[in-house]
């Protein structure tokens, strides 16, 4: 495919990835799956997958979450917080991830399904620490989700070292990119009564 200037156009595909949190005692947990196929077979990843024709990214997030973990979540419980489009983030080509976060009450039972071998709740600190292999740039996505949802990050940037898909992005000095909030605001806190807080 070429554009009006005759230059080749890269085909882009979209995925939806879900960062679902819960707590056990005082410990923050994130839902992770073990990938059952390449790329990154056996690595940990976020539940998610390709957006199918005629499907919104949010619909894909809800569908993939249920297929890969057995978790049924209402659409309104997930909030889009960013997109990730760094070249090289996915070895399959130009794959842009739309990322969502949510919170589950209690510690729901989960089980791997579809192309996920297993599903489990992991401490966020372990997921971010670099001690486990994490696929794509999902470590960065989880870190950004923690900052966006809770306003803090439990692990320094060194934890990204074992995130294979993030290597190319780090080499170029960039990584994923949280975008504006889905309500159109920047995500910055504002004073009650100010136009931005409405």
N, C-alpha and C. Protein backbone atom coordinates (compact mmCIF):
# COMPACT_ATOMS: atom_id res chain seq x y z
N UNK A 1 0.85 -1.17 0.00
CA UNK A 1 0.00 0.00 0.00
C UNK A 1 0.90 1.24 0.00
N UNK A 2 0.49 2.25 -0.76
CA UNK A 2 1.25 3.50 -0.80
C UNK A 2 0.34 4.67 -0.49
N UNK A 3 0.96 5.78 -0.06
CA UNK A 3 0.17 6.98 0.20
C UNK A 3 0.14 7.84 -1.06
N UNK A 4 -0.41 9.04 -0.96
CA UNK A 4 -0.55 9.91 -2.14
C UNK A 4 0.79 10.37 -2.70
N UNK A 5 1.85 10.30 -1.90
CA UNK A 5 3.20 10.65 -2.36
C UNK A 5 3.92 9.46 -2.98
N UNK A 6 3.28 8.30 -3.00
CA UNK A 6 3.89 7.11 -3.55
C UNK A 6 4.80 6.36 -2.58
N UNK A 7 4.84 6.82 -1.33
CA UNK A 7 5.66 6.14 -0.33
C UNK A 7 4.89 4.96 0.27
N UNK A 8 5.64 3.93 0.63
CA UNK A 8 5.05 2.74 1.23
C UNK A 8 4.43 3.09 2.59
N UNK A 9 3.26 2.54 2.86
CA UNK A 9 2.57 2.78 4.13
C UNK A 9 2.64 1.50 4.95
N UNK A 10 3.06 1.63 6.20
CA UNK A 10 3.13 0.48 7.10
C UNK A 10 1.74 0.13 7.59
N UNK A 11 1.41 -1.14 7.52
CA UNK A 11 0.13 -1.59 8.07
C UNK A 11 0.26 -1.66 9.58
N UNK A 12 -0.66 -1.02 10.26
CA UNK A 12 -0.66 -1.01 11.71
C UNK A 12 -1.83 -1.85 12.21
N UNK A 13 -1.59 -2.60 13.26
CA UNK A 13 -2.67 -3.35 13.89
C UNK A 13 -2.74 -2.93 15.35
N UNK A 14 -3.91 -3.10 15.93
CA UNK A 14 -4.15 -2.66 17.30
C UNK A 14 -4.41 -3.85 18.21
N UNK A 15 -3.90 -3.73 19.42
CA UNK A 15 -4.22 -4.68 20.47
C UNK A 15 -4.81 -3.90 21.64
N UNK A 16 -5.46 -4.62 22.53
CA UNK A 16 -5.95 -4.05 23.78
C UNK A 16 -5.31 -4.85 24.91
N UNK A 17 -4.72 -4.17 25.88
CA UNK A 17 -4.10 -4.82 27.03
C UNK A 17 -4.74 -4.30 28.31
N UNK A 18 -4.94 -5.20 29.27
CA UNK A 18 -5.65 -4.85 30.50
C UNK A 18 -4.73 -5.00 31.70
N UNK A 19 -4.63 -3.94 32.49
CA UNK A 19 -3.93 -3.97 33.77
C UNK A 19 -5.02 -3.98 34.84
N UNK A 20 -5.28 -5.17 35.38
CA UNK A 20 -6.33 -5.32 36.39
C UNK A 20 -5.68 -5.52 37.75
N UNK A 21 -6.01 -4.64 38.68
CA UNK A 21 -5.42 -4.67 40.02
C UNK A 21 -6.40 -5.24 41.03
N UNK A 22 -5.87 -5.72 42.14
CA UNK A 22 -6.63 -6.02 43.34
C UNK A 22 -5.65 -5.96 44.50
N UNK A 23 -6.15 -6.17 45.70
CA UNK A 23 -5.28 -6.19 46.88
C UNK A 23 -5.53 -7.46 47.69
N UNK A 24 -4.45 -7.99 48.24
CA UNK A 24 -4.53 -9.07 49.22
C UNK A 24 -3.85 -8.54 50.47
N UNK A 25 -4.62 -8.34 51.53
CA UNK A 25 -4.06 -7.64 52.69
C UNK A 25 -3.71 -6.24 52.25
N UNK A 26 -2.49 -5.82 52.48
CA UNK A 26 -2.06 -4.50 52.02
C UNK A 26 -1.28 -4.54 50.73
N UNK A 27 -1.16 -5.73 50.12
CA UNK A 27 -0.29 -5.88 48.95
C UNK A 27 -1.06 -5.68 47.65
N UNK A 28 -0.54 -4.83 46.79
CA UNK A 28 -1.15 -4.58 45.49
C UNK A 28 -0.76 -5.68 44.52
N UNK A 29 -1.78 -6.28 43.87
CA UNK A 29 -1.56 -7.37 42.92
C UNK A 29 -2.01 -6.95 41.53
N UNK A 30 -1.43 -7.60 40.52
CA UNK A 30 -1.82 -7.37 39.13
C UNK A 30 -2.11 -8.73 38.50
N UNK A 31 -3.10 -8.78 37.63
CA UNK A 31 -3.45 -10.01 36.93
C UNK A 31 -2.51 -10.21 35.75
N UNK A 32 -1.86 -11.37 35.71
CA UNK A 32 -0.91 -11.68 34.64
C UNK A 32 -1.22 -13.05 34.06
N UNK A 33 -0.81 -13.24 32.82
CA UNK A 33 -0.95 -14.55 32.17
C UNK A 33 0.43 -15.02 31.74
N UNK A 34 0.57 -16.34 31.62
CA UNK A 34 1.77 -16.91 31.02
C UNK A 34 1.44 -17.18 29.56
N UNK A 35 2.21 -16.60 28.66
CA UNK A 35 1.93 -16.75 27.23
C UNK A 35 2.15 -18.19 26.79
N UNK A 36 1.23 -18.67 25.96
CA UNK A 36 1.31 -20.04 25.48
C UNK A 36 1.87 -20.18 24.09
N UNK A 37 2.23 -19.06 23.46
CA UNK A 37 2.78 -19.14 22.11
C UNK A 37 3.75 -18.00 21.87
N UNK A 38 4.50 -18.11 20.79
CA UNK A 38 5.46 -17.07 20.42
C UNK A 38 4.71 -15.87 19.86
N UNK A 39 5.28 -14.68 19.97
CA UNK A 39 6.56 -14.38 20.61
C UNK A 39 6.45 -14.42 22.14
N UNK A 40 7.58 -14.62 22.79
CA UNK A 40 7.68 -14.61 24.24
C UNK A 40 6.89 -15.74 24.90
N UNK A 41 6.88 -16.92 24.29
CA UNK A 41 6.22 -18.07 24.90
C UNK A 41 6.78 -18.30 26.29
N UNK A 42 5.91 -18.55 27.25
CA UNK A 42 6.22 -18.82 28.66
C UNK A 42 6.56 -17.56 29.46
N UNK A 43 6.65 -16.41 28.83
CA UNK A 43 6.87 -15.16 29.57
C UNK A 43 5.54 -14.67 30.15
N UNK A 44 5.63 -13.86 31.18
CA UNK A 44 4.44 -13.23 31.74
C UNK A 44 4.01 -12.07 30.85
N UNK A 45 2.72 -11.84 30.81
CA UNK A 45 2.17 -10.74 30.01
C UNK A 45 0.86 -10.29 30.64
N UNK A 46 0.38 -9.18 30.15
CA UNK A 46 -0.95 -8.72 30.54
C UNK A 46 -1.99 -9.46 29.71
N UNK A 47 -3.18 -9.68 30.25
CA UNK A 47 -4.25 -10.21 29.42
C UNK A 47 -4.55 -9.21 28.30
N UNK A 48 -4.72 -9.72 27.11
CA UNK A 48 -5.02 -8.83 25.99
C UNK A 48 -4.82 -9.54 24.67
N UNK A 49 -5.11 -8.82 23.61
CA UNK A 49 -4.95 -9.39 22.28
C UNK A 49 -5.41 -8.44 21.21
N UNK A 50 -5.46 -8.95 20.00
CA UNK A 50 -5.77 -8.13 18.84
C UNK A 50 -7.23 -7.66 18.83
N UNK A 51 -7.42 -6.43 18.39
CA UNK A 51 -8.75 -5.88 18.19
C UNK A 51 -9.27 -6.44 16.87
N UNK A 52 -10.41 -7.09 16.91
CA UNK A 52 -10.97 -7.72 15.72
C UNK A 52 -11.78 -6.72 14.91
N UNK A 53 -11.97 -6.99 13.60
CA UNK A 53 -12.77 -6.08 12.76
C UNK A 53 -14.16 -5.86 13.36
N UNK A 54 -14.60 -4.61 13.37
CA UNK A 54 -15.91 -4.26 13.91
C UNK A 54 -15.97 -4.18 15.42
N UNK A 55 -14.83 -4.25 16.08
CA UNK A 55 -14.75 -4.26 17.53
C UNK A 55 -13.99 -3.03 18.01
N UNK A 56 -14.45 -2.41 19.09
CA UNK A 56 -13.69 -1.31 19.68
C UNK A 56 -12.56 -1.89 20.53
N UNK A 57 -11.59 -1.05 20.88
CA UNK A 57 -10.50 -1.50 21.75
C UNK A 57 -11.05 -1.92 23.11
N UNK A 58 -12.05 -1.20 23.61
CA UNK A 58 -12.64 -1.56 24.90
C UNK A 58 -13.34 -2.92 24.82
N UNK A 59 -14.08 -3.15 23.73
CA UNK A 59 -14.72 -4.46 23.56
C UNK A 59 -13.68 -5.57 23.51
N UNK A 60 -12.58 -5.32 22.81
CA UNK A 60 -11.50 -6.32 22.72
C UNK A 60 -10.90 -6.58 24.10
N UNK A 61 -10.72 -5.53 24.90
CA UNK A 61 -10.16 -5.69 26.24
C UNK A 61 -11.05 -6.58 27.10
N UNK A 62 -12.35 -6.32 27.08
CA UNK A 62 -13.30 -7.12 27.87
C UNK A 62 -13.29 -8.57 27.38
N UNK A 63 -13.33 -8.77 26.07
CA UNK A 63 -13.35 -10.12 25.49
C UNK A 63 -12.08 -10.90 25.82
N UNK A 64 -10.92 -10.27 25.59
CA UNK A 64 -9.65 -10.95 25.84
C UNK A 64 -9.46 -11.28 27.32
N UNK A 65 -9.88 -10.38 28.19
CA UNK A 65 -9.77 -10.63 29.62
C UNK A 65 -10.55 -11.88 30.00
N UNK A 66 -11.75 -12.02 29.48
CA UNK A 66 -12.56 -13.21 29.78
C UNK A 66 -11.96 -14.46 29.14
N UNK A 67 -11.54 -14.37 27.88
CA UNK A 67 -10.99 -15.54 27.19
C UNK A 67 -9.72 -16.05 27.86
N UNK A 68 -8.85 -15.15 28.28
CA UNK A 68 -7.54 -15.56 28.79
C UNK A 68 -7.49 -15.84 30.29
N UNK A 69 -8.46 -15.30 31.05
CA UNK A 69 -8.40 -15.46 32.51
C UNK A 69 -9.70 -15.94 33.14
N UNK A 70 -10.79 -15.92 32.39
CA UNK A 70 -12.09 -16.26 32.95
C UNK A 70 -12.75 -15.12 33.70
N UNK A 71 -12.09 -13.97 33.78
CA UNK A 71 -12.64 -12.80 34.49
C UNK A 71 -13.64 -12.06 33.62
N UNK A 72 -14.85 -11.91 34.12
CA UNK A 72 -15.85 -11.10 33.44
C UNK A 72 -15.88 -9.73 34.11
N UNK A 73 -15.63 -8.71 33.32
CA UNK A 73 -15.60 -7.34 33.84
C UNK A 73 -16.50 -6.48 32.97
N UNK A 74 -17.32 -5.66 33.60
CA UNK A 74 -18.17 -4.73 32.84
C UNK A 74 -17.30 -3.68 32.16
N UNK A 75 -17.74 -3.25 30.99
CA UNK A 75 -16.99 -2.25 30.22
C UNK A 75 -16.71 -1.01 31.06
N UNK A 76 -17.69 -0.59 31.86
CA UNK A 76 -17.53 0.66 32.62
C UNK A 76 -16.48 0.54 33.73
N UNK A 77 -16.03 -0.70 34.04
CA UNK A 77 -15.02 -0.89 35.08
C UNK A 77 -13.60 -0.72 34.56
N UNK A 78 -13.45 -0.62 33.24
CA UNK A 78 -12.12 -0.44 32.65
C UNK A 78 -11.97 0.99 32.14
N UNK A 79 -10.81 1.56 32.36
CA UNK A 79 -10.54 2.93 31.93
C UNK A 79 -9.30 2.95 31.05
N UNK A 80 -9.46 3.53 29.88
CA UNK A 80 -8.31 3.67 28.98
C UNK A 80 -7.37 4.72 29.56
N UNK A 81 -6.08 4.38 29.60
CA UNK A 81 -5.13 5.35 30.15
C UNK A 81 -3.94 5.60 29.25
N UNK A 82 -3.79 4.86 28.19
CA UNK A 82 -2.63 5.11 27.35
C UNK A 82 -2.60 4.26 26.10
N UNK A 83 -1.65 4.60 25.24
CA UNK A 83 -1.38 3.78 24.06
C UNK A 83 0.12 3.64 23.95
N UNK A 84 0.55 2.55 23.34
CA UNK A 84 1.97 2.22 23.26
C UNK A 84 2.28 1.86 21.82
N UNK A 85 3.16 2.65 21.21
CA UNK A 85 3.37 2.52 19.76
C UNK A 85 4.84 2.58 19.36
N UNK A 86 5.76 2.43 20.32
CA UNK A 86 7.18 2.51 19.99
C UNK A 86 7.54 1.47 18.93
N UNK A 87 8.26 1.87 17.88
CA UNK A 87 8.74 0.88 16.91
C UNK A 87 9.58 -0.18 17.63
N UNK A 88 9.37 -1.43 17.28
CA UNK A 88 10.13 -2.52 17.89
C UNK A 88 9.53 -3.07 19.16
N UNK A 89 8.41 -2.52 19.62
CA UNK A 89 7.81 -3.04 20.87
C UNK A 89 7.25 -4.44 20.70
N UNK A 90 6.96 -4.81 19.45
CA UNK A 90 6.41 -6.14 19.16
C UNK A 90 7.13 -6.69 17.94
N UNK A 91 7.76 -7.87 18.05
CA UNK A 91 8.51 -8.40 16.91
C UNK A 91 7.65 -8.79 15.72
N UNK A 92 6.33 -8.81 15.88
CA UNK A 92 5.45 -9.20 14.78
C UNK A 92 5.20 -8.06 13.80
N UNK A 93 5.59 -6.85 14.17
CA UNK A 93 5.40 -5.72 13.28
C UNK A 93 4.94 -4.49 14.02
N UNK A 94 4.25 -3.61 13.30
CA UNK A 94 3.78 -2.35 13.88
C UNK A 94 2.47 -2.60 14.63
N UNK A 95 2.59 -2.87 15.92
CA UNK A 95 1.44 -3.20 16.76
C UNK A 95 1.29 -2.10 17.80
N UNK A 96 0.14 -1.46 17.80
CA UNK A 96 -0.15 -0.38 18.74
C UNK A 96 -1.09 -0.92 19.80
N UNK A 97 -0.69 -0.79 21.06
CA UNK A 97 -1.51 -1.28 22.16
C UNK A 97 -2.28 -0.13 22.79
N UNK A 98 -3.57 -0.36 22.98
CA UNK A 98 -4.42 0.55 23.74
C UNK A 98 -4.55 -0.08 25.12
N UNK A 99 -4.14 0.63 26.15
CA UNK A 99 -4.06 0.06 27.50
C UNK A 99 -5.19 0.56 28.39
N UNK A 100 -5.72 -0.36 29.18
CA UNK A 100 -6.82 -0.08 30.11
C UNK A 100 -6.41 -0.54 31.50
N UNK A 101 -6.92 0.16 32.52
CA UNK A 101 -6.72 -0.34 33.88
C UNK A 101 -8.07 -0.46 34.56
N UNK A 102 -8.10 -1.30 35.58
CA UNK A 102 -9.32 -1.52 36.37
C UNK A 102 -8.94 -2.10 37.72
N UNK A 103 -9.95 -2.28 38.54
CA UNK A 103 -9.73 -2.80 39.89
C UNK A 103 -10.80 -3.83 40.20
N UNK A 104 -10.39 -4.98 40.71
CA UNK A 104 -11.32 -6.06 41.06
C UNK A 104 -11.45 -6.14 42.58
N UNK A 105 -12.67 -6.27 43.06
CA UNK A 105 -12.89 -6.43 44.49
C UNK A 105 -12.51 -7.85 44.90
N UNK A 106 -11.93 -7.99 46.08
CA UNK A 106 -11.50 -9.32 46.53
C UNK A 106 -10.34 -9.81 45.68
N UNK A 107 -10.12 -11.11 45.68
CA UNK A 107 -9.10 -11.72 44.82
C UNK A 107 -9.81 -12.81 44.02
N UNK A 108 -10.43 -12.43 42.90
CA UNK A 108 -11.24 -13.38 42.14
C UNK A 108 -10.42 -14.57 41.63
N UNK A 109 -11.09 -15.72 41.52
CA UNK A 109 -10.47 -16.91 40.93
C UNK A 109 -10.24 -16.65 39.45
N UNK A 110 -9.08 -17.05 38.96
CA UNK A 110 -8.76 -16.91 37.53
C UNK A 110 -8.15 -18.21 37.04
N UNK A 111 -8.25 -18.44 35.73
CA UNK A 111 -7.66 -19.63 35.12
C UNK A 111 -7.27 -19.30 33.69
N UNK A 112 -6.13 -19.81 33.25
CA UNK A 112 -5.67 -19.56 31.89
C UNK A 112 -6.61 -20.16 30.86
N UNK A 113 -6.76 -19.49 29.75
CA UNK A 113 -7.59 -19.97 28.65
C UNK A 113 -7.12 -19.35 27.35
N UNK A 114 -7.66 -19.80 26.23
CA UNK A 114 -7.28 -19.32 24.91
C UNK A 114 -5.78 -19.54 24.72
N UNK A 115 -5.03 -18.48 24.41
CA UNK A 115 -3.59 -18.66 24.20
C UNK A 115 -2.77 -18.36 25.46
N UNK A 116 -3.42 -18.29 26.61
CA UNK A 116 -2.73 -18.10 27.89
C UNK A 116 -2.65 -19.44 28.61
N UNK A 117 -1.43 -19.90 28.92
CA UNK A 117 -1.27 -21.18 29.63
C UNK A 117 -1.86 -21.12 31.03
N UNK A 118 -1.54 -20.03 31.72
CA UNK A 118 -2.01 -19.86 33.09
C UNK A 118 -2.38 -18.40 33.30
N UNK A 119 -3.15 -18.16 34.35
CA UNK A 119 -3.46 -16.80 34.78
C UNK A 119 -3.33 -16.77 36.29
N UNK A 120 -2.79 -15.69 36.82
CA UNK A 120 -2.61 -15.61 38.27
C UNK A 120 -2.46 -14.15 38.70
N UNK A 121 -2.70 -13.93 39.98
CA UNK A 121 -2.49 -12.62 40.59
C UNK A 121 -1.07 -12.57 41.14
N UNK A 122 -0.30 -11.59 40.71
CA UNK A 122 1.08 -11.45 41.17
C UNK A 122 1.26 -10.12 41.89
N UNK A 123 2.13 -10.08 42.89
CA UNK A 123 2.45 -8.78 43.48
C UNK A 123 3.01 -7.84 42.41
N UNK A 124 2.53 -6.63 42.39
CA UNK A 124 3.00 -5.65 41.41
C UNK A 124 4.52 -5.49 41.51
N UNK A 125 5.03 -5.47 42.73
CA UNK A 125 6.48 -5.31 42.91
C UNK A 125 7.25 -6.42 42.21
N UNK A 126 6.74 -7.66 42.24
CA UNK A 126 7.41 -8.78 41.56
C UNK A 126 7.35 -8.60 40.05
N UNK A 127 6.19 -8.20 39.53
CA UNK A 127 6.03 -8.01 38.09
C UNK A 127 6.99 -6.94 37.58
N UNK A 128 7.21 -5.91 38.37
CA UNK A 128 8.05 -4.79 37.95
C UNK A 128 9.53 -4.97 38.27
N UNK A 129 9.86 -5.95 39.10
CA UNK A 129 11.21 -6.03 39.66
C UNK A 129 12.31 -6.42 38.69
N UNK A 130 11.98 -7.09 37.60
CA UNK A 130 13.02 -7.60 36.70
C UNK A 130 13.40 -9.02 37.03
N UNK A 131 12.84 -9.60 38.09
CA UNK A 131 13.16 -10.97 38.49
C UNK A 131 12.44 -12.01 37.62
N UNK A 132 11.39 -11.60 36.92
CA UNK A 132 10.64 -12.50 36.06
C UNK A 132 10.65 -11.95 34.64
N UNK A 133 10.58 -12.86 33.65
CA UNK A 133 10.55 -12.41 32.26
C UNK A 133 9.15 -11.90 31.94
N UNK A 134 9.09 -10.71 31.39
CA UNK A 134 7.82 -10.09 31.02
C UNK A 134 7.87 -9.76 29.53
N UNK A 135 6.81 -10.11 28.82
CA UNK A 135 6.75 -9.94 27.37
C UNK A 135 6.53 -8.48 26.97
N UNK A 136 6.96 -8.20 25.75
CA UNK A 136 6.73 -6.89 25.12
C UNK A 136 7.19 -5.77 26.06
N UNK A 137 6.41 -4.70 26.13
CA UNK A 137 6.70 -3.58 27.04
C UNK A 137 5.69 -3.56 28.18
N UNK A 138 5.19 -4.74 28.54
CA UNK A 138 4.12 -4.80 29.54
C UNK A 138 4.57 -4.35 30.92
N UNK A 139 5.86 -4.46 31.23
CA UNK A 139 6.35 -3.94 32.51
C UNK A 139 6.15 -2.42 32.54
N UNK A 140 6.46 -1.75 31.44
CA UNK A 140 6.26 -0.30 31.36
C UNK A 140 4.78 0.06 31.47
N UNK A 141 3.93 -0.74 30.83
CA UNK A 141 2.49 -0.47 30.87
C UNK A 141 1.98 -0.58 32.30
N UNK A 142 2.41 -1.62 33.03
CA UNK A 142 1.97 -1.77 34.42
C UNK A 142 2.49 -0.61 35.27
N UNK A 143 3.75 -0.24 35.08
CA UNK A 143 4.31 0.88 35.85
C UNK A 143 3.49 2.15 35.60
N UNK A 144 3.18 2.43 34.34
CA UNK A 144 2.39 3.62 34.02
C UNK A 144 0.99 3.54 34.62
N UNK A 145 0.40 2.33 34.63
CA UNK A 145 -0.94 2.17 35.19
C UNK A 145 -0.94 2.42 36.69
N UNK A 146 0.10 1.96 37.39
CA UNK A 146 0.20 2.21 38.83
C UNK A 146 0.28 3.72 39.09
N UNK A 147 1.11 4.39 38.33
CA UNK A 147 1.25 5.84 38.49
C UNK A 147 -0.07 6.52 38.19
N UNK A 148 -0.72 6.14 37.11
CA UNK A 148 -1.96 6.78 36.69
C UNK A 148 -3.09 6.54 37.67
N UNK A 149 -3.22 5.30 38.16
CA UNK A 149 -4.35 4.97 39.03
C UNK A 149 -4.10 5.34 40.48
N UNK A 150 -2.87 5.13 40.96
CA UNK A 150 -2.60 5.30 42.39
C UNK A 150 -1.68 6.47 42.71
N UNK A 151 -1.01 7.04 41.71
CA UNK A 151 -0.17 8.20 41.93
C UNK A 151 1.21 7.91 42.48
N UNK A 152 1.67 6.66 42.41
CA UNK A 152 3.00 6.31 42.89
C UNK A 152 3.53 5.13 42.10
N UNK A 153 4.83 4.91 42.17
CA UNK A 153 5.44 3.76 41.50
C UNK A 153 6.30 3.01 42.51
N UNK A 154 6.05 1.70 42.71
CA UNK A 154 6.75 0.96 43.75
C UNK A 154 8.17 0.53 43.41
N UNK A 155 8.58 0.61 42.14
CA UNK A 155 9.89 0.10 41.73
C UNK A 155 10.53 1.12 40.81
N UNK A 156 11.85 1.26 40.91
CA UNK A 156 12.56 2.20 40.05
C UNK A 156 12.64 1.68 38.62
N UNK A 157 13.10 2.51 37.71
CA UNK A 157 13.15 2.18 36.29
C UNK A 157 14.08 1.01 35.99
N UNK A 158 15.01 0.68 36.88
CA UNK A 158 15.93 -0.44 36.62
C UNK A 158 15.19 -1.74 36.44
N UNK A 159 13.97 -1.86 37.00
CA UNK A 159 13.19 -3.08 36.88
C UNK A 159 12.80 -3.41 35.47
N UNK A 160 12.92 -2.46 34.55
CA UNK A 160 12.52 -2.70 33.17
C UNK A 160 13.54 -3.53 32.41
N UNK A 161 14.68 -3.82 33.01
CA UNK A 161 15.76 -4.48 32.29
C UNK A 161 15.37 -5.82 31.68
N UNK A 162 14.46 -6.56 32.30
CA UNK A 162 14.12 -7.89 31.79
C UNK A 162 12.87 -7.87 30.93
N UNK A 163 12.46 -6.73 30.45
CA UNK A 163 11.28 -6.62 29.60
C UNK A 163 11.72 -6.63 28.15
N UNK A 164 11.72 -7.81 27.47
CA UNK A 164 12.33 -7.93 26.16
C UNK A 164 11.81 -6.94 25.12
N UNK A 165 10.53 -6.71 25.07
CA UNK A 165 9.98 -5.83 24.06
C UNK A 165 10.32 -4.38 24.28
N UNK A 166 10.75 -4.03 25.47
CA UNK A 166 11.07 -2.64 25.77
C UNK A 166 12.49 -2.28 25.40
N UNK A 167 13.32 -3.27 25.06
CA UNK A 167 14.73 -3.01 24.81
C UNK A 167 14.94 -2.01 23.69
N UNK A 168 14.24 -2.18 22.58
CA UNK A 168 14.39 -1.25 21.46
C UNK A 168 13.93 0.14 21.81
N UNK A 169 12.84 0.24 22.56
CA UNK A 169 12.33 1.54 22.94
C UNK A 169 13.31 2.26 23.85
N UNK A 170 13.91 1.51 24.82
CA UNK A 170 14.86 2.15 25.73
C UNK A 170 16.10 2.61 24.98
N UNK A 171 16.51 1.84 23.98
CA UNK A 171 17.70 2.22 23.21
C UNK A 171 17.49 3.54 22.49
N UNK A 172 16.26 3.85 22.16
CA UNK A 172 15.95 5.11 21.48
C UNK A 172 15.55 6.20 22.48
N UNK A 173 15.62 5.89 23.76
CA UNK A 173 15.32 6.90 24.77
C UNK A 173 13.84 7.10 24.99
N UNK A 174 13.02 6.19 24.51
CA UNK A 174 11.58 6.35 24.69
C UNK A 174 10.97 5.08 25.20
N UNK A 175 9.69 5.12 25.48
CA UNK A 175 8.95 3.92 25.81
C UNK A 175 7.50 4.19 25.49
N UNK A 176 6.61 3.53 26.15
CA UNK A 176 5.20 3.73 25.86
C UNK A 176 4.77 5.14 26.17
N UNK A 177 3.52 5.40 25.95
CA UNK A 177 3.07 6.76 26.11
C UNK A 177 1.66 6.82 26.66
N UNK A 178 1.53 7.13 27.95
CA UNK A 178 0.18 7.34 28.44
C UNK A 178 -0.39 8.57 27.75
N UNK A 179 -1.60 8.49 27.32
CA UNK A 179 -2.21 9.62 26.62
C UNK A 179 -3.13 10.39 27.55
N UNK A 180 -3.91 11.28 26.98
CA UNK A 180 -4.88 12.01 27.77
C UNK A 180 -5.92 11.03 28.30
N UNK A 181 -6.55 11.36 29.40
CA UNK A 181 -7.57 10.49 29.96
C UNK A 181 -8.74 10.39 29.02
N UNK A 182 -9.52 9.31 29.17
CA UNK A 182 -10.62 9.08 28.24
C UNK A 182 -11.72 10.13 28.39
N UNK A 183 -11.72 10.90 29.48
CA UNK A 183 -12.71 11.96 29.60
C UNK A 183 -12.23 13.26 28.95
N UNK A 184 -11.07 13.19 28.28
CA UNK A 184 -10.57 14.35 27.55
C UNK A 184 -9.64 15.23 28.35
N UNK A 185 -9.50 14.99 29.66
CA UNK A 185 -8.61 15.82 30.46
C UNK A 185 -7.20 15.27 30.41
N UNK A 186 -6.27 16.01 30.95
CA UNK A 186 -4.86 15.60 30.92
C UNK A 186 -4.53 14.61 32.02
N UNK A 187 -5.43 14.42 32.98
CA UNK A 187 -5.13 13.55 34.10
C UNK A 187 -4.53 14.30 35.28
N UNK A 188 -4.25 15.60 35.11
CA UNK A 188 -3.71 16.39 36.22
C UNK A 188 -4.83 16.70 37.20
N UNK A 189 -4.45 16.75 38.46
CA UNK A 189 -5.44 17.11 39.48
C UNK A 189 -5.75 18.60 39.36
N UNK A 190 -7.00 18.94 39.59
CA UNK A 190 -7.38 20.35 39.53
C UNK A 190 -8.19 20.70 40.77
N UNK A 191 -8.29 21.99 41.02
CA UNK A 191 -9.04 22.44 42.19
C UNK A 191 -10.53 22.23 41.97
N UNK A 192 -11.26 21.82 43.03
CA UNK A 192 -12.71 21.71 42.90
C UNK A 192 -13.28 23.03 42.42
N UNK A 193 -14.21 22.96 41.49
CA UNK A 193 -14.85 24.16 40.98
C UNK A 193 -14.18 24.75 39.76
N UNK A 194 -12.94 24.32 39.47
CA UNK A 194 -12.28 24.83 38.27
C UNK A 194 -12.88 24.16 37.05
N UNK A 195 -12.81 24.79 35.87
CA UNK A 195 -13.41 24.21 34.67
C UNK A 195 -12.90 22.80 34.39
N UNK A 196 -11.63 22.53 34.68
CA UNK A 196 -11.06 21.22 34.39
C UNK A 196 -11.64 20.14 35.28
N UNK A 197 -12.14 20.49 36.47
CA UNK A 197 -12.62 19.47 37.41
C UNK A 197 -14.04 19.04 37.12
N UNK A 198 -14.69 19.64 36.14
CA UNK A 198 -16.08 19.29 35.83
C UNK A 198 -16.18 18.18 34.84
